[in-house]
Amino acid sequence: MALTEDDLSPVKKPAALRPLDKMSIDELRAYIEEMKIEIRRVEAEIARKESHRAAADSFFRKT
């Protein structure tokens, strides 16, 4: 039986959700701040990758 590309791809698991009902208001606010920090980190990585892609596209673009 031959392997396919799908066999080699990692399986993505959904992120585990925290039980919000057991968290206090202060804990919920802190959790929101943690998520905002993570969102900014992800957005910065997207911007970095888009910059690299744009540089590569301009380098390989036919004139």
PDB file of N, CA and C in Angstrom:
ATOM      1  N   MET A   1       0.845  -1.174   0.000  1.00  0.00           N
ATOM      2  CA  MET A   1       0.000   0.000   0.000  1.00  0.00           C
ATOM      3  C   MET A   1       0.892   1.239   0.000  1.00  0.00           C
ATOM      4  N   ALA A   2       0.716   2.121  -0.945  1.00  0.00           N
ATOM      5  CA  ALA A   2       1.548   3.310  -1.082  1.00  0.00           C
ATOM      6  C   ALA A   2       1.031   4.440  -0.194  1.00  0.00           C
ATOM      7  N   LEU A   3       1.965   5.220   0.311  1.00  0.00           N
ATOM      8  CA  LEU A   3       1.606   6.386   1.116  1.00  0.00           C
ATOM      9  C   LEU A   3       1.217   7.535   0.199  1.00  0.00           C
ATOM     10  N   THR A   4       0.256   8.307   0.619  1.00  0.00           N
ATOM     11  CA  THR A   4      -0.126   9.508  -0.123  1.00  0.00           C
ATOM     12  C   THR A   4       0.313  10.730   0.679  1.00  0.00           C
ATOM     13  N   GLU A   5       0.206  11.905   0.058  1.00  0.00           N
ATOM     14  CA  GLU A   5       0.576  13.139   0.747  1.00  0.00           C
ATOM     15  C   GLU A   5      -0.303  13.348   1.978  1.00  0.00           C
ATOM     16  N   ASP A   6      -1.555  12.930   1.901  1.00  0.00           N
ATOM     17  CA  ASP A   6      -2.453  13.059   3.047  1.00  0.00           C
ATOM     18  C   ASP A   6      -1.970  12.223   4.234  1.00  0.00           C
ATOM     19  N   ASP A   7      -1.341  11.096   3.959  1.00  0.00           N
ATOM     20  CA  ASP A   7      -0.827  10.252   5.034  1.00  0.00           C
ATOM     21  C   ASP A   7       0.315  10.930   5.777  1.00  0.00           C
ATOM     22  N   LEU A   8       1.034  11.811   5.110  1.00  0.00           N
ATOM     23  CA  LEU A   8       2.192  12.465   5.708  1.00  0.00           C
ATOM     24  C   LEU A   8       1.838  13.786   6.380  1.00  0.00           C
ATOM     25  N   SER A   9       0.659  14.323   6.107  1.00  0.00           N
ATOM     26  CA  SER A   9       0.250  15.599   6.685  1.00  0.00           C
ATOM     27  C   SER A   9      -0.090  15.422   8.156  1.00  0.00           C
ATOM     28  N   PRO A  10       0.373  16.377   9.005  1.00  0.00           N
ATOM     29  CA  PRO A  10       0.025  16.268  10.421  1.00  0.00           C
ATOM     30  C   PRO A  10      -1.469  16.501  10.632  1.00  0.00           C
ATOM     31  N   VAL A  11      -2.011  15.842  11.602  1.00  0.00           N
ATOM     32  CA  VAL A  11      -3.427  16.006  11.926  1.00  0.00           C
ATOM     33  C   VAL A  11      -3.537  17.181  12.897  1.00  0.00           C
ATOM     34  N   LYS A  12      -4.333  18.180  12.529  1.00  0.00           N
ATOM     35  CA  LYS A  12      -4.500  19.343  13.389  1.00  0.00           C
ATOM     36  C   LYS A  12      -5.619  19.077  14.376  1.00  0.00           C
ATOM     37  N   LYS A  13      -5.287  19.258  15.643  1.00  0.00           N
ATOM     38  CA  LYS A  13      -6.287  19.095  16.692  1.00  0.00           C
ATOM     39  C   LYS A  13      -6.822  20.471  17.044  1.00  0.00           C
ATOM     40  N   PRO A  14      -8.114  20.585  17.277  1.00  0.00           N
ATOM     41  CA  PRO A  14      -8.650  21.883  17.695  1.00  0.00           C
ATOM     42  C   PRO A  14      -8.106  22.250  19.067  1.00  0.00           C
ATOM     43  N   ALA A  15      -7.924  23.556  19.281  1.00  0.00           N
ATOM     44  CA  ALA A  15      -7.425  24.013  20.567  1.00  0.00           C
ATOM     45  C   ALA A  15      -8.430  23.662  21.660  1.00  0.00           C
ATOM     46  N   ALA A  16      -7.901  23.269  22.800  1.00  0.00           N
ATOM     47  CA  ALA A  16      -8.764  22.940  23.926  1.00  0.00           C
ATOM     48  C   ALA A  16      -9.374  24.231  24.467  1.00  0.00           C
ATOM     49  N   LEU A  17     -10.660  24.211  24.670  1.00  0.00           N
ATOM     50  CA  LEU A  17     -11.352  25.384  25.193  1.00  0.00           C
ATOM     51  C   LEU A  17     -11.383  25.323  26.716  1.00  0.00           C
ATOM     52  N   ARG A  18     -11.175  26.483  27.321  1.00  0.00           N
ATOM     53  CA  ARG A  18     -11.237  26.553  28.776  1.00  0.00           C
ATOM     54  C   ARG A  18     -12.694  26.620  29.227  1.00  0.00           C
ATOM     55  N   PRO A  19     -13.006  26.016  30.357  1.00  0.00           N
ATOM     56  CA  PRO A  19     -14.380  26.112  30.876  1.00  0.00           C
ATOM     57  C   PRO A  19     -14.605  27.500  31.486  1.00  0.00           C
ATOM     58  N   LEU A  20     -15.292  28.360  30.782  1.00  0.00           N
ATOM     59  CA  LEU A  20     -15.472  29.747  31.193  1.00  0.00           C
ATOM     60  C   LEU A  20     -16.362  29.892  32.420  1.00  0.00           C
ATOM     61  N   ASP A  21     -17.277  28.977  32.609  1.00  0.00           N
ATOM     62  CA  ASP A  21     -18.220  29.097  33.717  1.00  0.00           C
ATOM     63  C   ASP A  21     -17.559  28.984  35.087  1.00  0.00           C
ATOM     64  N   LYS A  22     -16.367  28.421  35.134  1.00  0.00           N
ATOM     65  CA  LYS A  22     -15.667  28.263  36.408  1.00  0.00           C
ATOM     66  C   LYS A  22     -14.683  29.398  36.675  1.00  0.00           C
ATOM     67  N   MET A  23     -14.586  30.352  35.736  1.00  0.00           N
ATOM     68  CA  MET A  23     -13.627  31.443  35.872  1.00  0.00           C
ATOM     69  C   MET A  23     -14.310  32.679  36.453  1.00  0.00           C
ATOM     70  N   SER A  24     -13.565  33.400  37.301  1.00  0.00           N
ATOM     71  CA  SER A  24     -14.085  34.645  37.852  1.00  0.00           C
ATOM     72  C   SER A  24     -14.020  35.741  36.785  1.00  0.00           C
ATOM     73  N   ILE A  25     -14.635  36.862  37.071  1.00  0.00           N
ATOM     74  CA  ILE A  25     -14.600  37.990  36.131  1.00  0.00           C
ATOM     75  C   ILE A  25     -13.157  38.430  35.893  1.00  0.00           C
ATOM     76  N   ASP A  26     -12.361  38.528  36.952  1.00  0.00           N
ATOM     77  CA  ASP A  26     -10.954  38.917  36.800  1.00  0.00           C
ATOM     78  C   ASP A  26     -10.180  37.896  35.963  1.00  0.00           C
ATOM     79  N   GLU A  27     -10.462  36.622  36.184  1.00  0.00           N
ATOM     80  CA  GLU A  27      -9.800  35.579  35.390  1.00  0.00           C
ATOM     81  C   GLU A  27     -10.225  35.664  33.925  1.00  0.00           C
ATOM     82  N   LEU A  28     -11.483  35.956  33.673  1.00  0.00           N
ATOM     83  CA  LEU A  28     -11.962  36.102  32.297  1.00  0.00           C
ATOM     84  C   LEU A  28     -11.293  37.283  31.613  1.00  0.00           C
ATOM     85  N   ARG A  29     -11.172  38.397  32.325  1.00  0.00           N
ATOM     86  CA  ARG A  29     -10.491  39.568  31.750  1.00  0.00           C
ATOM     87  C   ARG A  29      -9.027  39.265  31.456  1.00  0.00           C
ATOM     88  N   ALA A  30      -8.371  38.565  32.371  1.00  0.00           N
ATOM     89  CA  ALA A  30      -6.972  38.177  32.151  1.00  0.00           C
ATOM     90  C   ALA A  30      -6.859  37.239  30.945  1.00  0.00           C
ATOM     91  N   TYR A  31      -7.812  36.353  30.811  1.00  0.00           N
ATOM     92  CA  TYR A  31      -7.835  35.415  29.680  1.00  0.00           C
ATOM     93  C   TYR A  31      -7.987  36.172  28.367  1.00  0.00           C
ATOM     94  N   ILE A  32      -8.857  37.180  28.363  1.00  0.00           N
ATOM     95  CA  ILE A  32      -9.032  38.011  27.166  1.00  0.00           C
ATOM     96  C   ILE A  32      -7.714  38.687  26.805  1.00  0.00           C
ATOM     97  N   GLU A  33      -7.016  39.223  27.794  1.00  0.00           N
ATOM     98  CA  GLU A  33      -5.732  39.874  27.528  1.00  0.00           C
ATOM     99  C   GLU A  33      -4.707  38.883  26.968  1.00  0.00           C
ATOM    100  N   GLU A  34      -4.694  37.662  27.495  1.00  0.00           N
ATOM    101  CA  GLU A  34      -3.800  36.618  26.964  1.00  0.00           C
ATOM    102  C   GLU A  34      -4.110  36.351  25.497  1.00  0.00           C
ATOM    103  N   MET A  35      -5.391  36.260  25.180  1.00  0.00           N
ATOM    104  CA  MET A  35      -5.793  35.983  23.798  1.00  0.00           C
ATOM    105  C   MET A  35      -5.431  37.156  22.881  1.00  0.00           C
ATOM    106  N   LYS A  36      -5.591  38.388  23.361  1.00  0.00           N
ATOM    107  CA  LYS A  36      -5.229  39.558  22.554  1.00  0.00           C
ATOM    108  C   LYS A  36      -3.736  39.564  22.251  1.00  0.00           C
ATOM    109  N   ILE A  37      -2.925  39.204  23.252  1.00  0.00           N
ATOM    110  CA  ILE A  37      -1.476  39.122  23.041  1.00  0.00           C
ATOM    111  C   ILE A  37      -1.163  38.072  21.988  1.00  0.00           C
ATOM    112  N   GLU A  38      -1.837  36.931  22.065  1.00  0.00           N
ATOM    113  CA  GLU A  38      -1.607  35.866  21.082  1.00  0.00           C
ATOM    114  C   GLU A  38      -2.055  36.296  19.690  1.00  0.00           C
ATOM    115  N   ILE A  39      -3.164  37.007  19.603  1.00  0.00           N
ATOM    116  CA  ILE A  39      -3.639  37.501  18.310  1.00  0.00           C
ATOM    117  C   ILE A  39      -2.613  38.454  17.705  1.00  0.00           C
ATOM    118  N   ARG A  40      -2.067  39.366  18.515  1.00  0.00           N
ATOM    119  CA  ARG A  40      -1.047  40.297  17.999  1.00  0.00           C
ATOM    120  C   ARG A  40       0.197  39.543  17.530  1.00  0.00           C
ATOM    121  N   ARG A  41       0.563  38.496  18.256  1.00  0.00           N
ATOM    122  CA  ARG A  41       1.729  37.692  17.865  1.00  0.00           C
ATOM    123  C   ARG A  41       1.485  37.007  16.524  1.00  0.00           C
ATOM    124  N   VAL A  42       0.300  36.464  16.351  1.00  0.00           N
ATOM    125  CA  VAL A  42      -0.045  35.785  15.098  1.00  0.00           C
ATOM    126  C   VAL A  42      -0.100  36.793  13.950  1.00  0.00           C
ATOM    127  N   GLU A  43      -0.690  37.969  14.196  1.00  0.00           N
ATOM    128  CA  GLU A  43      -0.760  38.990  13.154  1.00  0.00           C
ATOM    129  C   GLU A  43       0.631  39.460  12.738  1.00  0.00           C
ATOM    130  N   ALA A  44       1.548  39.565  13.692  1.00  0.00           N
ATOM    131  CA  ALA A  44       2.927  39.946  13.370  1.00  0.00           C
ATOM    132  C   ALA A  44       3.595  38.881  12.506  1.00  0.00           C
ATOM    133  N   GLU A  45       3.326  37.627  12.798  1.00  0.00           N
ATOM    134  CA  GLU A  45       3.900  36.541  11.995  1.00  0.00           C
ATOM    135  C   GLU A  45       3.328  36.544  10.583  1.00  0.00           C
ATOM    136  N   ILE A  46       2.033  36.814  10.461  1.00  0.00           N
ATOM    137  CA  ILE A  46       1.412  36.911   9.141  1.00  0.00           C
ATOM    138  C   ILE A  46       2.063  38.045   8.351  1.00  0.00           C
ATOM    139  N   ALA A  47       2.252  39.192   8.989  1.00  0.00           N
ATOM    140  CA  ALA A  47       2.869  40.337   8.314  1.00  0.00           C
ATOM    141  C   ALA A  47       4.289  40.000   7.873  1.00  0.00           C
ATOM    142  N   ARG A  48       5.032  39.296   8.720  1.00  0.00           N
ATOM    143  CA  ARG A  48       6.404  38.896   8.367  1.00  0.00           C
ATOM    144  C   ARG A  48       6.399  37.976   7.151  1.00  0.00           C
ATOM    145  N   LYS A  49       5.495  37.014   7.141  1.00  0.00           N
ATOM    146  CA  LYS A  49       5.427  36.066   6.027  1.00  0.00           C
ATOM    147  C   LYS A  49       4.960  36.750   4.742  1.00  0.00           C
ATOM    148  N   GLU A  50       4.017  37.686   4.866  1.00  0.00           N
ATOM    149  CA  GLU A  50       3.566  38.431   3.684  1.00  0.00           C
ATOM    150  C   GLU A  50       4.699  39.276   3.112  1.00  0.00           C
ATOM    151  N   SER A  51       5.518  39.843   3.994  1.00  0.00           N
ATOM    152  CA  SER A  51       6.663  40.626   3.548  1.00  0.00           C
ATOM    153  C   SER A  51       7.661  39.755   2.791  1.00  0.00           C
ATOM    154  N   HIS A  52       7.921  38.583   3.334  1.00  0.00           N
ATOM    155  CA  HIS A  52       8.830  37.650   2.654  1.00  0.00           C
ATOM    156  C   HIS A  52       8.270  37.230   1.300  1.00  0.00           C
ATOM    157  N   ARG A  53       6.973  36.963   1.265  1.00  0.00           N
ATOM    158  CA  ARG A  53       6.341  36.563   0.006  1.00  0.00           C
ATOM    159  C   ARG A  53       6.436  37.686  -1.022  1.00  0.00           C
ATOM    160  N   ALA A  54       6.168  38.921  -0.600  1.00  0.00           N
ATOM    161  CA  ALA A  54       6.242  40.061  -1.512  1.00  0.00           C
ATOM    162  C   ALA A  54       7.659  40.233  -2.048  1.00  0.00           C
ATOM    163  N   ALA A  55       8.650  40.056  -1.179  1.00  0.00           N
ATOM    164  CA  ALA A  55      10.045  40.170  -1.623  1.00  0.00           C
ATOM    165  C   ALA A  55      10.375  39.078  -2.636  1.00  0.00           C
ATOM    166  N   ALA A  56       9.934  37.871  -2.368  1.00  0.00           N
ATOM    167  CA  ALA A  56      10.189  36.766  -3.296  1.00  0.00           C
ATOM    168  C   ALA A  56       9.458  36.993  -4.615  1.00  0.00           C
ATOM    169  N   ASP A  57       8.201  37.452  -4.531  1.00  0.00           N
ATOM    170  CA  ASP A  57       7.439  37.713  -5.754  1.00  0.00           C
ATOM    171  C   ASP A  57       8.116  38.778  -6.613  1.00  0.00           C
ATOM    172  N   SER A  58       8.618  39.841  -5.975  1.00  0.00           N
ATOM    173  CA  SER A  58       9.252  40.905  -6.751  1.00  0.00           C
ATOM    174  C   SER A  58      10.598  40.423  -7.331  1.00  0.00           C
ATOM    175  N   PHE A  59      11.262  39.533  -6.618  1.00  0.00           N
ATOM    176  CA  PHE A  59      12.532  39.008  -7.109  1.00  0.00           C
ATOM    177  C   PHE A  59      12.324  38.120  -8.330  1.00  0.00           C
ATOM    178  N   PHE A  60      11.282  37.296  -8.304  1.00  0.00           N
ATOM    179  CA  PHE A  60      11.052  36.337  -9.375  1.00  0.00           C
ATOM    180  C   PHE A  60      10.090  36.854 -10.456  1.00  0.00           C
ATOM    181  N   ARG A  61       9.594  38.066 -10.298  1.00  0.00           N
ATOM    182  CA  ARG A  61       8.651  38.622 -11.270  1.00  0.00           C
ATOM    183  C   ARG A  61       9.380  38.890 -12.583  1.00  0.00           C
ATOM    184  N   LYS A  62       8.751  38.489 -13.658  1.00  0.00           N
ATOM    185  CA  LYS A  62       9.323  38.736 -14.990  1.00  0.00           C
ATOM    186  C   LYS A  62       9.066  40.176 -15.378  1.00  0.00           C
ATOM    187  N   THR A  63      10.085  40.822 -15.929  1.00  0.00           N
ATOM    188  CA  THR A  63       9.931  42.225 -16.356  1.00  0.00           C
ATOM    189  C   THR A  63       9.983  42.357 -17.841  1.00  0.00           C
TER     190      THR A  63
END
